[in-house]
C-alpha atoms as a PDB file:
ATOM      1  CA  MET A   1     -18.090   5.713  45.305  1.00  0.00           C
ATOM      2  CA  CYS A   2     -15.210   3.215  45.153  1.00  0.00           C
ATOM      3  CA  LEU A   3     -11.555   3.865  45.416  1.00  0.00           C
ATOM      4  CA  ILE A   4      -9.164   2.554  42.676  1.00  0.00           C
ATOM      5  CA  LEU A   5      -5.948   1.419  43.962  1.00  0.00           C
ATOM      6  CA  SER A   6      -2.800   1.407  41.856  1.00  0.00           C
ATOM      7  CA  LYS A   7       0.588  -0.275  42.130  1.00  0.00           C
ATOM      8  CA  THR A   8       3.588   0.067  39.732  1.00  0.00           C
ATOM      9  CA  ILE A   9       6.577  -2.159  39.230  1.00  0.00           C
ATOM     10  CA  THR A  10       9.409  -0.742  37.053  1.00  0.00           C
ATOM     11  CA  ILE A  11      11.816  -3.121  35.399  1.00  0.00           C
ATOM     12  CA  ASN A  12      14.910  -3.103  33.138  1.00  0.00           C
ATOM     13  CA  THR A  13      13.811  -5.148  30.113  1.00  0.00           C
ATOM     14  CA  VAL A  14      11.929  -4.809  26.803  1.00  0.00           C
ATOM     15  CA  GLU A  15       8.192  -5.252  26.689  1.00  0.00           C
ATOM     16  CA  SER A  16       8.357  -8.337  24.441  1.00  0.00           C
ATOM     17  CA  GLU A  17      10.321 -10.154  27.089  1.00  0.00           C
ATOM     18  CA  ILE A  18       7.373  -9.970  29.503  1.00  0.00           C
ATOM     19  CA  ALA A  19       4.356  -9.907  27.192  1.00  0.00           C
ATOM     20  CA  GLU A  20       3.380 -13.562  27.284  1.00  0.00           C
ATOM     21  CA  SER A  21       3.821 -13.860  31.091  1.00  0.00           C
ATOM     22  CA  LEU A  22       1.748 -10.729  31.713  1.00  0.00           C
ATOM     23  CA  GLU A  23      -0.934 -12.082  29.414  1.00  0.00           C
ATOM     24  CA  GLU A  24      -1.203 -15.208  31.487  1.00  0.00           C
ATOM     25  CA  ILE A  25      -1.432 -13.157  34.754  1.00  0.00           C
ATOM     26  CA  GLN A  26      -4.147 -10.893  33.155  1.00  0.00           C
ATOM     27  CA  LYS A  27      -6.236 -13.971  32.510  1.00  0.00           C
ATOM     28  CA  LYS A  28      -5.783 -15.188  36.167  1.00  0.00           C
ATOM     29  CA  TYR A  29      -6.580 -11.681  37.582  1.00  0.00           C
ATOM     30  CA  ASN A  30      -9.375 -10.547  35.241  1.00  0.00           C
ATOM     31  CA  LYS A  31     -10.600  -8.052  37.936  1.00  0.00           C
ATOM     32  CA  VAL A  32      -7.145  -6.117  37.831  1.00  0.00           C
ATOM     33  CA  GLU A  33      -6.422  -3.810  35.045  1.00  0.00           C
ATOM     34  CA  ILE A  34      -2.784  -4.412  34.056  1.00  0.00           C
ATOM     35  CA  GLY A  35      -0.841  -2.022  31.691  1.00  0.00           C
ATOM     36  CA  SER A  36       2.645  -2.249  30.466  1.00  0.00           C
ATOM     37  CA  TYR A  37       4.311   1.063  29.442  1.00  0.00           C
ATOM     38  CA  PRO A  38       7.843   0.843  27.773  1.00  0.00           C
ATOM     39  CA  PHE A  39      10.184   3.753  28.276  1.00  0.00           C
ATOM     40  CA  PHE A  40      13.631   4.844  27.168  1.00  0.00           C
ATOM     41  CA  LYS A  41      15.347   7.231  29.743  1.00  0.00           C
ATOM     42  CA  GLN A  42      18.916   8.215  30.031  1.00  0.00           C
ATOM     43  CA  GLY A  43      20.051   5.547  27.430  1.00  0.00           C
ATOM     44  CA  LYS A  44      18.201   2.686  29.267  1.00  0.00           C
ATOM     45  CA  VAL A  45      15.127   0.802  28.229  1.00  0.00           C
ATOM     46  CA  GLY A  46      12.608  -0.435  30.715  1.00  0.00           C
ATOM     47  CA  VAL A  47       8.950  -1.093  31.332  1.00  0.00           C
ATOM     48  CA  SER A  48       6.618   0.152  33.961  1.00  0.00           C
ATOM     49  CA  ILE A  49       3.842  -2.456  34.797  1.00  0.00           C
ATOM     50  CA  VAL A  50       0.796  -0.787  36.391  1.00  0.00           C
ATOM     51  CA  MET A  51      -1.917  -2.686  38.125  1.00  0.00           C
ATOM     52  CA  ARG A  52      -5.263  -1.142  39.076  1.00  0.00           C
ATOM     53  CA  ALA A  53      -8.156  -2.573  41.057  1.00  0.00           C
ATOM     54  CA  ILE A  54     -10.621  -1.821  43.796  1.00  0.00           C
ATOM     55  CA  ASP A  55      -9.478  -4.740  45.958  1.00  0.00           C
ATOM     56  CA  LYS A  56      -6.067  -4.415  47.636  1.00  0.00           C
ATOM     57  CA  ASN A  57      -5.734  -8.174  48.141  1.00  0.00           C
ATOM     58  CA  LEU A  58      -6.152  -8.750  44.390  1.00  0.00           C
ATOM     59  CA  ILE A  59      -3.495  -6.203  43.650  1.00  0.00           C
ATOM     60  CA  PHE A  60      -1.142  -7.684  46.300  1.00  0.00           C
ATOM     61  CA  ASN A  61      -1.516 -11.272  44.867  1.00  0.00           C
ATOM     62  CA  CYS A  62      -1.090 -10.017  41.268  1.00  0.00           C
ATOM     63  CA  GLU A  63       1.960  -8.083  42.252  1.00  0.00           C
ATOM     64  CA  LYS A  64       3.327 -11.286  43.973  1.00  0.00           C
ATOM     65  CA  ASP A  65       2.824 -13.334  40.790  1.00  0.00           C
ATOM     66  CA  ILE A  66       4.375 -10.578  38.555  1.00  0.00           C
ATOM     67  CA  LYS A  67       7.481 -10.428  40.812  1.00  0.00           C
ATOM     68  CA  SER A  68       7.712 -14.148  40.716  1.00  0.00           C
ATOM     69  CA  PHE A  69       8.003 -14.398  36.977  1.00  0.00           C
ATOM     70  CA  ILE A  70      10.359 -11.435  36.831  1.00  0.00           C
ATOM     71  CA  LYS A  71      12.643 -13.110  39.272  1.00  0.00           C
ATOM     72  CA  LYS A  72      12.483 -16.413  37.226  1.00  0.00           C
ATOM     73  CA  LYS A  73      13.481 -14.424  34.114  1.00  0.00           C
ATOM     74  CA  ASP A  74      16.355 -12.728  35.999  1.00  0.00           C
ATOM     75  CA  ILE A  75      15.083  -9.226  35.311  1.00  0.00           C
ATOM     76  CA  ARG A  76      15.924  -6.409  37.616  1.00  0.00           C
ATOM     77  CA  ILE A  77      13.297  -4.300  39.358  1.00  0.00           C
ATOM     78  CA  ILE A  78      14.315  -0.675  39.439  1.00  0.00           C
END
């Protein structure tokens, strides 16, 4: 039995703003399942980015790369 680990980053932006960058990261981390889930809550739009894998180091590095492009795009993490 293997344990599936999950990490979520929630940001204030629309999905189209991050789609291309996420696609590049997904190619780099092909053993990490990455999902983006847009939402509309209390008049604000955002996206939850969910990473799932069995290797915590892969998730850690993937998260670091995602946060790097988010910072470059000047998007706020919630």
